[in-house]
Amino acid sequence: MLKCLPVFILLLLFFGTVGAQKKTDSITTHPVTDTVAKPSPVDSAINHTPADSVVKHPPDSVKKILVKDTVAKQLLDTNPRHVSADSVMKPAKDSAARHQPIKNIPKKAPTGAVIKRSPVKTLSDERYNALLKGDDIDNLSLVAEINNYPHPDKALKYKVQLGLNPGQITKLKDISAALHRKKVEMGENIIKNEKMLDSLFSGHKVVDGTIIFYTNRYGLYQGEIRTAILMACYKTEDILSAVQIRKLASLEQAVK
């Protein structure tokens, strides 16, 4: 019995060593789940770095830039021809200044194109302005011109083509200036006469004598204008030579 005891102890030690080795292999092959599942401090630090925090929760300045970029992209996608990213990124103050209404600057009327409104009901705007300026809109010189008595203004217009000498030019300018003064004077008288007639009729103050008086005056003023025009044509024919008169007629015909 005592002889078998050492053998038995050796067997126990052998089987104990084998069992311990198997247990170690089992732990190595199948580690405990709890141990693996728990994150280590290093892993936690890696998973929650400050960079991730910035990305997930950006500061206000980053948010504003992101919003501007988003708006700019949307506008460019919607209408790329008329919207630029720079226009979106400009401050609101520039946008407000750009959209302020522009004050209308009154344009100056070209010289000679100002038309005054007629204060007289019986005179149109065209006739009223012609009387003020001394313009002959009734062509009162026609009877003279078709019979080769030129108008002084037309002779001066073609003074180079006609070869007018200095003496002729001076005389024709004097005739033209006197004619213009007479037409303006009579034009103002006609306007006053028309105002008086309108006032008398609108106020029901007319009688036979007033009608005769003011209508005769109207004829007198018109006659004065026509007399001045025809006399000017008559004097112009006396200043020009026959060759110059024919040349002026051909020039006028070429313009028509």
Protein backbone atom coordinates (compact mmCIF):
# COMPACT_ATOMS: atom_id res chain seq x y z
CA MET A 1 0.00 0.00 0.00
CA LEU A 2 2.72 2.42 0.94
CA LYS A 3 4.52 1.44 -2.23
CA CYS A 4 1.54 2.57 -4.41
CA LEU A 5 1.18 5.99 -2.73
CA PRO A 6 3.93 7.75 -4.69
CA VAL A 7 2.45 6.56 -7.96
CA PHE A 8 -0.96 7.86 -6.95
CA ILE A 9 0.44 11.32 -6.11
CA LEU A 10 2.20 11.50 -9.44
CA LEU A 11 -1.06 10.66 -11.24
CA LEU A 12 -2.89 13.43 -9.35
CA LEU A 13 -0.25 15.96 -10.22
CA PHE A 14 -0.34 14.93 -13.85
CA PHE A 15 -4.09 15.09 -14.22
CA GLY A 16 -4.17 18.39 -12.25
CA THR A 17 -1.67 19.97 -14.65
CA VAL A 18 -3.61 18.76 -17.68
CA GLY A 19 -6.86 20.13 -16.28
CA ALA A 20 -5.31 23.50 -15.60
CA GLN A 21 -3.89 23.62 -19.10
CA LYS A 22 -7.32 22.87 -20.62
CA LYS A 23 -8.94 25.60 -18.55
CA THR A 24 -6.32 28.11 -19.72
CA ASP A 25 -6.87 27.09 -23.34
CA SER A 26 -10.64 27.48 -22.90
CA ILE A 27 -10.26 30.98 -21.52
CA THR A 28 -7.93 31.93 -24.36
CA THR A 29 -10.19 30.43 -27.02
CA HIS A 30 -13.47 31.67 -25.56
CA PRO A 31 -12.85 34.94 -23.69
CA VAL A 32 -15.51 36.30 -21.39
CA THR A 33 -18.04 38.48 -23.20
CA ASP A 34 -18.17 41.11 -20.51
CA THR A 35 -14.46 41.67 -20.69
CA VAL A 36 -14.50 42.20 -24.49
CA ALA A 37 -17.65 44.31 -24.52
CA LYS A 38 -16.36 46.85 -22.05
CA PRO A 39 -14.60 49.70 -23.89
CA SER A 40 -11.20 50.63 -22.70
CA PRO A 41 -10.36 54.21 -21.73
CA VAL A 42 -8.29 54.54 -24.88
CA ASP A 43 -11.16 53.44 -27.10
CA SER A 44 -13.52 55.86 -25.35
CA ALA A 45 -11.14 58.70 -25.88
CA ILE A 46 -10.79 57.82 -29.56
CA ASN A 47 -14.53 57.50 -30.13
CA HIS A 48 -15.28 60.88 -28.51
CA THR A 49 -12.58 63.16 -29.79
CA PRO A 50 -13.03 66.96 -29.80
CA ALA A 51 -13.11 66.89 -33.63
CA ASP A 52 -16.26 64.76 -33.56
CA SER A 53 -17.82 67.19 -31.14
CA VAL A 54 -17.06 70.14 -33.43
CA VAL A 55 -18.53 68.35 -36.43
CA LYS A 56 -21.69 67.33 -34.59
CA HIS A 57 -22.14 70.69 -32.82
CA PRO A 58 -20.43 73.41 -34.91
CA PRO A 59 -20.15 76.92 -33.44
CA ASP A 60 -22.41 79.75 -34.64
CA SER A 61 -19.85 81.14 -37.09
CA VAL A 62 -19.56 77.74 -38.78
CA LYS A 63 -23.36 77.45 -38.90
CA LYS A 64 -23.68 80.84 -40.60
CA ILE A 65 -21.16 79.93 -43.26
CA LEU A 66 -22.89 76.61 -43.86
CA VAL A 67 -26.28 78.35 -44.21
CA LYS A 68 -24.87 80.93 -46.64
CA ASP A 69 -23.24 78.21 -48.72
CA THR A 70 -26.52 76.29 -48.79
CA VAL A 71 -28.54 79.35 -49.87
CA ALA A 72 -26.00 80.27 -52.52
CA LYS A 73 -26.04 76.74 -53.90
CA GLN A 74 -29.85 76.69 -54.03
CA LEU A 75 -29.99 80.03 -55.85
CA LEU A 76 -27.31 79.01 -58.29
CA ASP A 77 -29.10 75.75 -59.00
CA THR A 78 -32.41 77.59 -59.52
CA ASN A 79 -31.20 80.42 -61.74
CA PRO A 80 -27.47 80.17 -62.45
CA ARG A 81 -27.51 82.85 -65.15
CA HIS A 82 -28.60 85.71 -62.93
CA VAL A 83 -27.33 84.77 -59.47
CA SER A 84 -23.78 84.54 -58.28
CA ALA A 85 -22.42 83.29 -55.02
CA ASP A 86 -20.75 86.65 -54.39
CA SER A 87 -24.08 88.46 -54.59
CA VAL A 88 -25.53 86.14 -51.96
CA MET A 89 -22.57 86.56 -49.63
CA LYS A 90 -22.65 90.39 -49.74
CA PRO A 91 -23.98 92.14 -46.63
CA ALA A 92 -27.62 93.12 -46.47
CA LYS A 93 -26.65 96.80 -46.41
CA ASP A 94 -25.22 96.59 -49.93
CA SER A 95 -28.32 94.78 -51.12
CA ALA A 96 -30.61 97.43 -49.64
CA ALA A 97 -28.58 100.24 -51.19
CA ARG A 98 -28.64 98.49 -54.53
CA HIS A 99 -32.44 98.16 -54.47
CA GLN A 100 -33.20 101.75 -53.48
CA PRO A 101 -35.34 103.55 -56.10
CA ILE A 102 -33.37 105.81 -58.41
CA LYS A 103 -34.59 109.37 -58.46
CA ASN A 104 -35.91 110.46 -61.81
CA ILE A 105 -33.72 113.24 -63.16
CA PRO A 106 -35.76 115.57 -65.36
CA LYS A 107 -34.42 115.78 -68.87
CA LYS A 108 -33.87 119.10 -70.51
CA ALA A 109 -36.05 119.68 -73.51
CA PRO A 110 -34.09 120.23 -76.73
CA THR A 111 -33.74 123.81 -77.88
CA GLY A 112 -36.58 124.91 -80.14
CA ALA A 113 -38.79 121.94 -79.22
CA VAL A 114 -40.64 123.53 -76.27
CA ILE A 115 -44.35 123.72 -77.02
CA LYS A 116 -46.44 126.04 -74.88
CA ARG A 117 -50.05 125.14 -74.24
CA SER A 118 -52.50 127.57 -75.71
CA PRO A 119 -54.46 129.55 -73.08
CA VAL A 120 -57.01 130.49 -75.73
CA LYS A 121 -59.75 127.99 -76.53
CA THR A 122 -60.03 129.13 -80.16
CA LEU A 123 -56.29 128.75 -80.88
CA SER A 124 -54.60 125.36 -81.12
CA ASP A 125 -51.21 124.80 -79.53
CA GLU A 126 -49.57 124.80 -82.95
CA ARG A 127 -51.10 128.09 -84.05
CA TYR A 128 -50.55 129.72 -80.68
CA ASN A 129 -46.81 128.92 -80.75
CA ALA A 130 -46.53 129.98 -84.40
CA LEU A 131 -48.02 133.39 -83.60
CA LEU A 132 -45.61 133.85 -80.69
CA LYS A 133 -42.55 132.89 -82.75
CA GLY A 134 -43.55 134.65 -85.97
CA ASP A 135 -43.83 131.44 -88.02
CA ASP A 136 -45.86 131.51 -91.23
CA ILE A 137 -47.86 128.27 -90.98
CA ASP A 138 -50.44 129.57 -93.46
CA ASN A 139 -47.84 129.95 -96.26
CA LEU A 140 -48.80 133.57 -96.87
CA SER A 141 -45.80 134.05 -99.19
CA LEU A 142 -47.02 131.48 -101.71
CA VAL A 143 -48.42 133.96 -104.24
CA ALA A 144 -45.06 135.73 -104.40
CA GLU A 145 -42.81 132.68 -104.50
CA ILE A 146 -44.63 130.86 -107.31
CA ASN A 147 -44.12 134.00 -109.39
CA ASN A 148 -40.35 134.17 -108.77
CA TYR A 149 -40.35 136.65 -105.87
CA PRO A 150 -38.18 134.74 -103.38
CA HIS A 151 -38.55 134.82 -99.63
CA PRO A 152 -35.55 136.56 -97.98
CA ASP A 153 -34.99 133.73 -95.48
CA LYS A 154 -34.67 131.17 -98.29
CA ALA A 155 -32.25 133.36 -100.18
CA LEU A 156 -30.05 133.63 -97.09
CA LYS A 157 -30.27 129.87 -96.56
CA TYR A 158 -28.57 129.26 -99.93
CA LYS A 159 -26.26 132.27 -99.84
CA VAL A 160 -23.19 130.14 -100.66
CA GLN A 161 -24.79 128.31 -103.57
CA LEU A 162 -26.18 131.56 -104.94
CA GLY A 163 -22.89 133.37 -104.54
CA LEU A 164 -24.37 136.33 -102.69
CA ASN A 165 -22.01 139.24 -102.16
CA PRO A 166 -21.65 140.97 -98.76
CA GLY A 167 -23.89 143.86 -99.77
CA GLN A 168 -26.72 141.48 -100.78
CA ILE A 169 -26.37 139.50 -97.56
CA THR A 170 -26.58 142.63 -95.40
CA LYS A 171 -29.70 143.92 -97.17
CA LEU A 172 -31.44 140.55 -97.01
CA LYS A 173 -30.67 140.21 -93.27
CA ASP A 174 -32.22 143.63 -92.62
CA ILE A 175 -35.35 142.66 -94.55
CA SER A 176 -35.61 139.32 -92.72
CA ALA A 177 -35.18 140.93 -89.28
CA ALA A 178 -37.84 143.58 -89.93
CA LEU A 179 -40.23 140.92 -91.23
CA HIS A 180 -39.75 138.76 -88.15
CA ARG A 181 -40.43 141.68 -85.78
CA LYS A 182 -43.62 142.50 -87.63
CA LYS A 183 -44.90 138.93 -87.57
CA VAL A 184 -44.24 138.55 -83.83
CA GLU A 185 -45.95 141.89 -83.09
CA MET A 186 -49.03 141.01 -85.10
CA GLY A 187 -49.09 137.51 -83.68
CA GLU A 188 -49.30 138.87 -80.13
CA ASN A 189 -52.12 141.20 -81.21
CA ILE A 190 -54.06 138.29 -82.71
CA ILE A 191 -53.73 136.32 -79.46
CA LYS A 192 -55.05 139.27 -77.42
CA ASN A 193 -57.90 139.75 -79.85
CA GLU A 194 -58.91 136.09 -79.59
CA LYS A 195 -58.82 136.25 -75.79
CA MET A 196 -61.15 139.25 -75.84
CA LEU A 197 -63.62 137.57 -78.19
CA ASP A 198 -63.66 134.44 -76.03
CA SER A 199 -64.21 136.53 -72.90
CA LEU A 200 -67.10 138.45 -74.44
CA PHE A 201 -68.88 135.35 -75.72
CA SER A 202 -68.33 133.27 -72.60
CA GLY A 203 -69.69 136.13 -70.43
CA HIS A 204 -72.63 136.80 -72.78
CA LYS A 205 -71.53 140.41 -73.18
CA VAL A 206 -71.41 140.60 -76.97
CA VAL A 207 -73.42 143.05 -79.05
CA ASP A 208 -73.37 143.86 -82.75
CA GLY A 209 -70.73 146.56 -82.37
CA THR A 210 -68.24 144.42 -80.41
CA ILE A 211 -68.45 141.56 -82.91
CA ILE A 212 -67.80 143.89 -85.83
CA PHE A 213 -64.98 145.70 -84.07
CA TYR A 214 -62.97 142.65 -82.95
CA THR A 215 -63.43 140.65 -86.13
CA ASN A 216 -62.28 143.61 -88.20
CA ARG A 217 -59.26 143.94 -85.98
CA TYR A 218 -58.51 140.26 -86.54
CA GLY A 219 -58.58 140.85 -90.28
CA LEU A 220 -56.39 143.92 -89.84
CA TYR A 221 -53.71 141.97 -87.99
CA GLN A 222 -53.75 139.15 -90.53
CA GLY A 223 -53.55 141.70 -93.32
CA GLU A 224 -50.57 143.38 -91.64
CA ILE A 225 -48.72 140.07 -91.53
CA ARG A 226 -49.40 139.23 -95.13
CA THR A 227 -48.48 142.71 -96.28
CA ALA A 228 -45.13 142.47 -94.47
CA ILE A 229 -44.37 139.06 -96.02
CA LEU A 230 -45.23 140.04 -99.59
CA MET A 231 -43.30 143.30 -99.29
CA ALA A 232 -40.25 141.37 -98.11
CA CYS A 233 -40.47 139.06 -101.13
CA TYR A 234 -40.85 142.03 -103.44
CA LYS A 235 -37.69 143.67 -102.01
CA THR A 236 -35.74 140.39 -102.21
CA GLU A 237 -36.52 140.04 -105.92
CA ASP A 238 -35.11 143.52 -106.46
CA ILE A 239 -31.84 142.61 -104.67
CA LEU A 240 -31.15 139.29 -106.44
CA SER A 241 -30.11 138.92 -110.05
CA ALA A 242 -32.16 136.92 -112.54
CA VAL A 243 -29.54 134.14 -112.52
CA GLN A 244 -29.62 133.93 -108.74
CA ILE A 245 -33.43 133.78 -108.72
CA ARG A 246 -33.44 130.89 -111.22
CA LYS A 247 -30.71 129.08 -109.25
CA LEU A 248 -32.71 129.49 -106.02
CA ALA A 249 -35.82 128.07 -107.72
CA SER A 250 -33.85 124.98 -108.89
CA LEU A 251 -32.39 124.45 -105.40
CA GLU A 252 -35.81 124.62 -103.82
CA GLN A 253 -37.20 122.23 -106.42
CA ALA A 254 -34.44 119.71 -105.70
CA VAL A 255 -35.31 119.69 -102.00
CA LYS A 256 -39.00 118.93 -102.65
